[in-house]
Amino acid sequence: MADKIHECPADGTGATPCCHRTPFQLPRDDRMTTQPDLVTCKEVDIRKETMMADKPKKMISVEQHFGEPLEILLPKMVTARGKTKTAEVLGVSKATLGYWLLKLRIDVKRVALGPGDTLTLERHGKPKESIG
């Protein structure tokens, strides 16, 4: 029997909505479905399994200092300040920050907005945010 059942990626996306993995990253015994009520994968389980495991002491100390997980803290800080200033505020090198972003699967995208342009950010299971 399959360990987990994941929701199929939506048209135009490559990752499952449940755990944000591509089908190629899923364990071989896991299955996918288009019926949300059959999904057994929970994002929290995946985060514990992959992102929160084996965090170095420095990551843990930064989380304790700022009072929230890096998975939540880093996207906000990098968006507001950029990588260089974020690394400075956290007290780590830019290389360390880059490693953390990779380890936690945080994608940093750069977008230029023209006058009057806005950007809408959608997070799975959370309300939309407008930027710009």
N, C-alpha and C. Protein backbone atom coordinates (compact mmCIF):
# COMPACT_ATOMS: atom_id res chain seq x y z
N MET A 1 0.83 -1.19 0.00
CA MET A 1 0.00 0.00 0.00
C MET A 1 0.87 1.24 0.00
N ALA A 2 0.42 2.32 -0.65
CA ALA A 2 1.18 3.55 -0.76
C ALA A 2 1.37 4.20 0.61
N ASP A 3 2.57 4.78 0.82
CA ASP A 3 2.83 5.49 2.06
C ASP A 3 1.94 6.73 2.16
N LYS A 4 1.88 7.50 1.08
CA LYS A 4 1.09 8.73 1.06
C LYS A 4 0.44 8.89 -0.30
N ILE A 5 -0.66 9.61 -0.28
CA ILE A 5 -1.32 9.97 -1.53
C ILE A 5 -1.25 11.49 -1.65
N HIS A 6 -0.66 11.96 -2.74
CA HIS A 6 -0.45 13.39 -2.96
C HIS A 6 -1.46 13.91 -3.97
N GLU A 7 -1.74 15.22 -3.88
CA GLU A 7 -2.62 15.84 -4.86
C GLU A 7 -1.82 16.15 -6.11
N CYS A 8 -2.40 15.85 -7.27
CA CYS A 8 -1.72 16.11 -8.54
C CYS A 8 -1.45 17.60 -8.72
N PRO A 9 -0.33 17.95 -9.35
CA PRO A 9 -0.06 19.36 -9.63
C PRO A 9 -1.16 19.96 -10.51
N ALA A 10 -1.49 21.21 -10.26
CA ALA A 10 -2.48 21.90 -11.07
C ALA A 10 -1.88 22.21 -12.45
N ASP A 11 -2.74 22.43 -13.43
CA ASP A 11 -2.27 22.77 -14.77
C ASP A 11 -1.35 23.98 -14.71
N GLY A 12 -0.23 23.89 -15.38
CA GLY A 12 0.72 25.00 -15.44
C GLY A 12 1.71 25.03 -14.28
N THR A 13 1.57 24.10 -13.34
CA THR A 13 2.53 24.03 -12.24
C THR A 13 3.20 22.68 -12.26
N GLY A 14 4.34 22.57 -11.64
CA GLY A 14 5.05 21.31 -11.64
C GLY A 14 5.10 20.64 -10.29
N ALA A 15 4.56 21.32 -9.24
CA ALA A 15 4.67 20.79 -7.89
C ALA A 15 3.31 20.43 -7.32
N THR A 16 3.31 19.45 -6.45
CA THR A 16 2.07 19.06 -5.78
C THR A 16 1.64 20.16 -4.83
N PRO A 17 0.34 20.46 -4.72
CA PRO A 17 -0.13 21.49 -3.79
C PRO A 17 0.07 21.09 -2.32
N CYS A 18 0.12 19.80 -2.05
CA CYS A 18 0.19 19.34 -0.66
C CYS A 18 1.58 19.55 -0.04
N CYS A 19 2.64 19.20 -0.74
CA CYS A 19 3.98 19.27 -0.14
C CYS A 19 4.99 19.99 -1.03
N HIS A 20 4.53 20.54 -2.13
CA HIS A 20 5.36 21.35 -3.01
C HIS A 20 6.56 20.59 -3.59
N ARG A 21 6.35 19.31 -3.88
CA ARG A 21 7.38 18.50 -4.54
C ARG A 21 6.94 18.21 -5.96
N THR A 22 7.91 18.01 -6.85
CA THR A 22 7.56 17.54 -8.19
C THR A 22 7.27 16.05 -8.10
N PRO A 23 6.54 15.51 -9.07
CA PRO A 23 6.28 14.07 -9.04
C PRO A 23 7.56 13.23 -9.00
N PHE A 24 8.64 13.74 -9.59
CA PHE A 24 9.90 13.01 -9.60
C PHE A 24 10.58 12.98 -8.24
N GLN A 25 10.21 13.91 -7.34
CA GLN A 25 10.80 13.96 -6.01
C GLN A 25 10.04 13.09 -5.00
N LEU A 26 8.89 12.58 -5.38
CA LEU A 26 8.08 11.78 -4.45
C LEU A 26 8.68 10.39 -4.29
N PRO A 27 8.55 9.80 -3.11
CA PRO A 27 9.01 8.42 -2.92
C PRO A 27 8.31 7.48 -3.90
N ARG A 28 8.99 6.46 -4.29
CA ARG A 28 8.50 5.54 -5.32
C ARG A 28 7.15 4.90 -4.96
N ASP A 29 6.92 4.61 -3.70
CA ASP A 29 5.67 3.95 -3.30
C ASP A 29 4.50 4.90 -3.14
N ASP A 30 4.75 6.20 -3.14
CA ASP A 30 3.66 7.16 -2.99
C ASP A 30 2.85 7.26 -4.27
N ARG A 31 1.63 7.71 -4.15
CA ARG A 31 0.71 7.82 -5.29
C ARG A 31 0.18 9.25 -5.38
N MET A 32 -0.49 9.55 -6.51
CA MET A 32 -1.08 10.87 -6.72
C MET A 32 -2.54 10.71 -7.12
N THR A 33 -3.34 11.74 -6.80
CA THR A 33 -4.76 11.72 -7.13
C THR A 33 -5.23 13.12 -7.52
N THR A 34 -6.30 13.18 -8.27
CA THR A 34 -6.93 14.46 -8.60
C THR A 34 -8.10 14.74 -7.66
N GLN A 35 -8.37 13.82 -6.75
CA GLN A 35 -9.49 13.97 -5.80
C GLN A 35 -8.95 14.42 -4.44
N PRO A 36 -9.12 15.70 -4.08
CA PRO A 36 -8.56 16.24 -2.84
C PRO A 36 -8.95 15.48 -1.57
N ASP A 37 -10.15 14.89 -1.55
CA ASP A 37 -10.59 14.18 -0.35
C ASP A 37 -9.82 12.87 -0.11
N LEU A 38 -9.08 12.40 -1.11
CA LEU A 38 -8.28 11.18 -0.95
C LEU A 38 -6.83 11.45 -0.55
N VAL A 39 -6.44 12.73 -0.52
CA VAL A 39 -5.05 13.10 -0.22
C VAL A 39 -4.74 12.81 1.25
N THR A 40 -3.64 12.08 1.48
CA THR A 40 -3.20 11.80 2.85
C THR A 40 -1.92 12.55 3.21
N CYS A 41 -1.26 13.16 2.23
CA CYS A 41 -0.05 13.93 2.48
C CYS A 41 -0.43 15.25 3.14
N LYS A 42 0.29 15.61 4.15
CA LYS A 42 0.08 16.88 4.83
C LYS A 42 1.39 17.66 4.76
N GLU A 43 1.32 18.94 4.41
CA GLU A 43 2.52 19.77 4.26
C GLU A 43 3.35 19.76 5.53
N VAL A 44 2.72 19.76 6.69
CA VAL A 44 3.44 19.78 7.96
C VAL A 44 4.34 18.55 8.08
N ASP A 45 3.84 17.38 7.67
CA ASP A 45 4.65 16.16 7.72
C ASP A 45 5.90 16.29 6.86
N ILE A 46 5.75 16.85 5.66
CA ILE A 46 6.88 16.99 4.74
C ILE A 46 7.89 17.97 5.30
N ARG A 47 7.44 19.07 5.86
CA ARG A 47 8.36 20.05 6.41
C ARG A 47 9.17 19.44 7.56
N LYS A 48 8.52 18.68 8.42
CA LYS A 48 9.25 18.03 9.51
C LYS A 48 10.25 17.04 8.96
N GLU A 49 9.85 16.32 7.94
CA GLU A 49 10.68 15.26 7.36
C GLU A 49 11.91 15.82 6.66
N THR A 50 11.74 16.92 5.92
CA THR A 50 12.84 17.39 5.08
C THR A 50 13.49 18.68 5.55
N MET A 51 12.70 19.66 5.92
CA MET A 51 13.26 20.97 6.20
C MET A 51 13.72 21.14 7.64
N MET A 52 13.00 20.56 8.56
CA MET A 52 13.30 20.81 9.95
C MET A 52 14.31 19.81 10.50
N ALA A 53 14.55 18.75 9.78
CA ALA A 53 15.51 17.76 10.22
C ALA A 53 16.93 18.27 10.03
N ASP A 54 17.77 17.95 10.98
CA ASP A 54 19.20 18.24 10.88
C ASP A 54 19.52 19.72 10.68
N LYS A 55 18.84 20.60 11.37
CA LYS A 55 19.20 22.02 11.29
C LYS A 55 20.46 22.25 12.12
N PRO A 56 21.42 22.96 11.53
CA PRO A 56 22.64 23.29 12.29
C PRO A 56 22.31 24.19 13.48
N LYS A 57 23.21 24.20 14.45
CA LYS A 57 23.00 24.99 15.67
C LYS A 57 22.77 26.46 15.37
N LYS A 58 23.48 27.00 14.37
CA LYS A 58 23.32 28.42 14.04
C LYS A 58 21.90 28.71 13.55
N MET A 59 21.34 27.81 12.75
CA MET A 59 19.96 28.01 12.29
C MET A 59 19.00 28.03 13.48
N ILE A 60 19.19 27.10 14.38
CA ILE A 60 18.32 27.01 15.56
C ILE A 60 18.47 28.25 16.43
N SER A 61 19.69 28.73 16.60
CA SER A 61 19.89 29.93 17.43
C SER A 61 19.26 31.16 16.79
N VAL A 62 19.31 31.29 15.47
CA VAL A 62 18.67 32.42 14.79
C VAL A 62 17.15 32.33 14.95
N GLU A 63 16.59 31.14 14.81
CA GLU A 63 15.15 30.96 15.00
C GLU A 63 14.74 31.35 16.42
N GLN A 64 15.52 30.95 17.40
CA GLN A 64 15.20 31.29 18.78
C GLN A 64 15.31 32.79 19.02
N HIS A 65 16.33 33.41 18.44
CA HIS A 65 16.53 34.85 18.60
C HIS A 65 15.36 35.65 18.01
N PHE A 66 14.90 35.26 16.81
CA PHE A 66 13.84 36.00 16.14
C PHE A 66 12.44 35.48 16.47
N GLY A 67 12.36 34.32 17.13
CA GLY A 67 11.08 33.81 17.60
C GLY A 67 10.17 33.21 16.54
N GLU A 68 10.73 32.84 15.40
CA GLU A 68 9.93 32.14 14.40
C GLU A 68 10.83 31.29 13.51
N PRO A 69 10.26 30.26 12.88
CA PRO A 69 11.06 29.38 12.03
C PRO A 69 11.64 30.12 10.83
N LEU A 70 12.81 29.71 10.40
CA LEU A 70 13.45 30.33 9.24
C LEU A 70 12.60 30.18 7.98
N GLU A 71 11.81 29.11 7.89
CA GLU A 71 10.94 28.91 6.73
C GLU A 71 9.95 30.06 6.58
N ILE A 72 9.61 30.72 7.67
CA ILE A 72 8.69 31.86 7.65
C ILE A 72 9.47 33.17 7.65
N LEU A 73 10.52 33.24 8.46
CA LEU A 73 11.31 34.46 8.62
C LEU A 73 12.07 34.87 7.36
N LEU A 74 12.77 33.92 6.74
CA LEU A 74 13.64 34.28 5.60
C LEU A 74 12.89 34.86 4.41
N PRO A 75 11.78 34.29 3.96
CA PRO A 75 11.10 34.91 2.82
C PRO A 75 10.71 36.37 3.09
N LYS A 76 10.24 36.65 4.30
CA LYS A 76 9.85 38.03 4.64
C LYS A 76 11.06 38.95 4.65
N MET A 77 12.14 38.50 5.27
CA MET A 77 13.34 39.35 5.38
C MET A 77 14.00 39.60 4.02
N VAL A 78 14.15 38.55 3.23
CA VAL A 78 14.81 38.69 1.92
C VAL A 78 13.97 39.58 1.00
N THR A 79 12.64 39.44 1.07
CA THR A 79 11.76 40.29 0.26
C THR A 79 11.89 41.75 0.67
N ALA A 80 11.92 42.00 1.96
CA ALA A 80 11.97 43.38 2.47
C ALA A 80 13.35 44.02 2.35
N ARG A 81 14.42 43.23 2.58
CA ARG A 81 15.76 43.80 2.69
C ARG A 81 16.74 43.38 1.61
N GLY A 82 16.48 42.25 0.94
CA GLY A 82 17.46 41.70 0.02
C GLY A 82 18.38 40.74 0.75
N LYS A 83 19.15 40.00 -0.02
CA LYS A 83 20.01 38.97 0.58
C LYS A 83 21.15 39.54 1.42
N THR A 84 21.83 40.56 0.91
CA THR A 84 22.99 41.11 1.61
C THR A 84 22.62 41.65 2.98
N LYS A 85 21.58 42.46 3.04
CA LYS A 85 21.16 43.06 4.32
C LYS A 85 20.59 41.99 5.25
N THR A 86 19.86 41.02 4.71
CA THR A 86 19.32 39.94 5.54
C THR A 86 20.45 39.16 6.20
N ALA A 87 21.47 38.81 5.42
CA ALA A 87 22.62 38.09 5.98
C ALA A 87 23.28 38.91 7.09
N GLU A 88 23.41 40.21 6.86
CA GLU A 88 24.01 41.10 7.85
C GLU A 88 23.18 41.12 9.14
N VAL A 89 21.88 41.28 9.02
CA VAL A 89 20.98 41.33 10.19
C VAL A 89 21.02 40.01 10.96
N LEU A 90 21.07 38.89 10.23
CA LEU A 90 21.10 37.57 10.87
C LEU A 90 22.47 37.24 11.46
N GLY A 91 23.51 37.96 11.04
CA GLY A 91 24.85 37.70 11.54
C GLY A 91 25.51 36.50 10.88
N VAL A 92 25.17 36.28 9.60
CA VAL A 92 25.77 35.17 8.85
C VAL A 92 26.33 35.71 7.53
N SER A 93 27.14 34.92 6.87
CA SER A 93 27.67 35.33 5.57
C SER A 93 26.59 35.16 4.50
N LYS A 94 26.80 35.81 3.35
CA LYS A 94 25.87 35.64 2.23
C LYS A 94 25.88 34.18 1.75
N ALA A 95 27.03 33.53 1.83
CA ALA A 95 27.11 32.12 1.43
C ALA A 95 26.27 31.24 2.36
N THR A 96 26.32 31.53 3.66
CA THR A 96 25.52 30.76 4.62
C THR A 96 24.03 31.00 4.36
N LEU A 97 23.66 32.24 4.14
CA LEU A 97 22.26 32.55 3.83
C LEU A 97 21.82 31.80 2.57
N GLY A 98 22.66 31.81 1.55
CA GLY A 98 22.35 31.09 0.32
C GLY A 98 22.15 29.60 0.56
N TYR A 99 23.00 29.03 1.40
CA TYR A 99 22.86 27.60 1.74
C TYR A 99 21.54 27.35 2.47
N TRP A 100 21.20 28.22 3.41
CA TRP A 100 19.95 28.06 4.14
C TRP A 100 18.75 28.13 3.20
N LEU A 101 18.78 29.08 2.27
CA LEU A 101 17.67 29.20 1.31
C LEU A 101 17.52 27.93 0.49
N LEU A 102 18.63 27.36 0.07
CA LEU A 102 18.59 26.10 -0.68
C LEU A 102 18.08 24.95 0.18
N LYS A 103 18.62 24.83 1.38
CA LYS A 103 18.25 23.74 2.28
C LYS A 103 16.76 23.78 2.62
N LEU A 104 16.21 24.98 2.78
CA LEU A 104 14.81 25.14 3.16
C LEU A 104 13.89 25.26 1.95
N ARG A 105 14.45 25.11 0.75
CA ARG A 105 13.69 25.18 -0.50
C ARG A 105 12.96 26.51 -0.67
N ILE A 106 13.64 27.59 -0.32
CA ILE A 106 13.07 28.92 -0.48
C ILE A 106 13.62 29.49 -1.78
N ASP A 107 12.74 29.73 -2.74
CA ASP A 107 13.13 30.29 -4.03
C ASP A 107 13.08 31.81 -3.95
N VAL A 108 14.15 32.44 -4.38
CA VAL A 108 14.19 33.90 -4.42
C VAL A 108 14.09 34.31 -5.89
N LYS A 109 13.07 35.06 -6.20
CA LYS A 109 12.83 35.54 -7.56
C LYS A 109 12.92 37.06 -7.55
N ARG A 110 13.47 37.61 -8.60
CA ARG A 110 13.58 39.06 -8.71
C ARG A 110 12.64 39.52 -9.81
N VAL A 111 11.78 40.49 -9.48
CA VAL A 111 10.79 40.99 -10.42
C VAL A 111 10.86 42.51 -10.45
N ALA A 112 10.90 43.07 -11.64
CA ALA A 112 10.88 44.53 -11.79
C ALA A 112 9.45 44.94 -12.13
N LEU A 113 8.90 45.86 -11.36
CA LEU A 113 7.54 46.34 -11.60
C LEU A 113 7.60 47.75 -12.16
N GLY A 114 6.88 47.97 -13.25
CA GLY A 114 6.79 49.30 -13.83
C GLY A 114 5.78 50.15 -13.07
N PRO A 115 5.71 51.44 -13.42
CA PRO A 115 4.75 52.32 -12.75
C PRO A 115 3.33 51.77 -12.87
N GLY A 116 2.66 51.68 -11.74
CA GLY A 116 1.29 51.20 -11.72
C GLY A 116 1.14 49.69 -11.72
N ASP A 117 2.24 48.94 -11.86
CA ASP A 117 2.18 47.47 -11.85
C ASP A 117 2.09 46.97 -10.41
N THR A 118 1.43 45.85 -10.23
CA THR A 118 1.40 45.17 -8.94
C THR A 118 1.69 43.70 -9.16
N LEU A 119 2.06 43.05 -8.11
CA LEU A 119 2.36 41.62 -8.15
C LEU A 119 1.53 40.95 -7.07
N THR A 120 0.85 39.88 -7.41
CA THR A 120 0.06 39.15 -6.43
C THR A 120 0.75 37.83 -6.14
N LEU A 121 0.96 37.58 -4.87
CA LEU A 121 1.64 36.37 -4.42
C LEU A 121 0.61 35.45 -3.79
N GLU A 122 0.57 34.20 -4.27
CA GLU A 122 -0.35 33.21 -3.71
C GLU A 122 0.44 32.15 -2.97
N ARG A 123 0.03 31.90 -1.74
CA ARG A 123 0.62 30.83 -0.95
C ARG A 123 -0.44 29.77 -0.75
N HIS A 124 -0.06 28.52 -0.88
CA HIS A 124 -1.00 27.42 -0.73
C HIS A 124 -1.67 27.50 0.64
N GLY A 125 -2.99 27.59 0.64
CA GLY A 125 -3.75 27.59 1.88
C GLY A 125 -3.76 28.91 2.63
N LYS A 126 -3.24 29.99 2.01
CA LYS A 126 -3.20 31.29 2.67
C LYS A 126 -3.77 32.35 1.75
N PRO A 127 -4.22 33.49 2.30
CA PRO A 127 -4.77 34.54 1.44
C PRO A 127 -3.72 35.16 0.53
N LYS A 128 -4.18 35.75 -0.57
CA LYS A 128 -3.27 36.42 -1.50
C LYS A 128 -2.71 37.69 -0.89
N GLU A 129 -1.48 38.05 -1.29
CA GLU A 129 -0.83 39.28 -0.87
C GLU A 129 -0.50 40.08 -2.12
N SER A 130 -0.72 41.39 -2.08
CA SER A 130 -0.30 42.24 -3.19
C SER A 130 1.00 42.92 -2.81
N ILE A 131 1.91 42.96 -3.75
CA ILE A 131 3.22 43.57 -3.56
C ILE A 131 3.40 44.62 -4.64
N GLY A 132 3.89 45.77 -4.25
CA GLY A 132 4.19 46.77 -5.25
C GLY A 132 3.41 48.03 -5.12
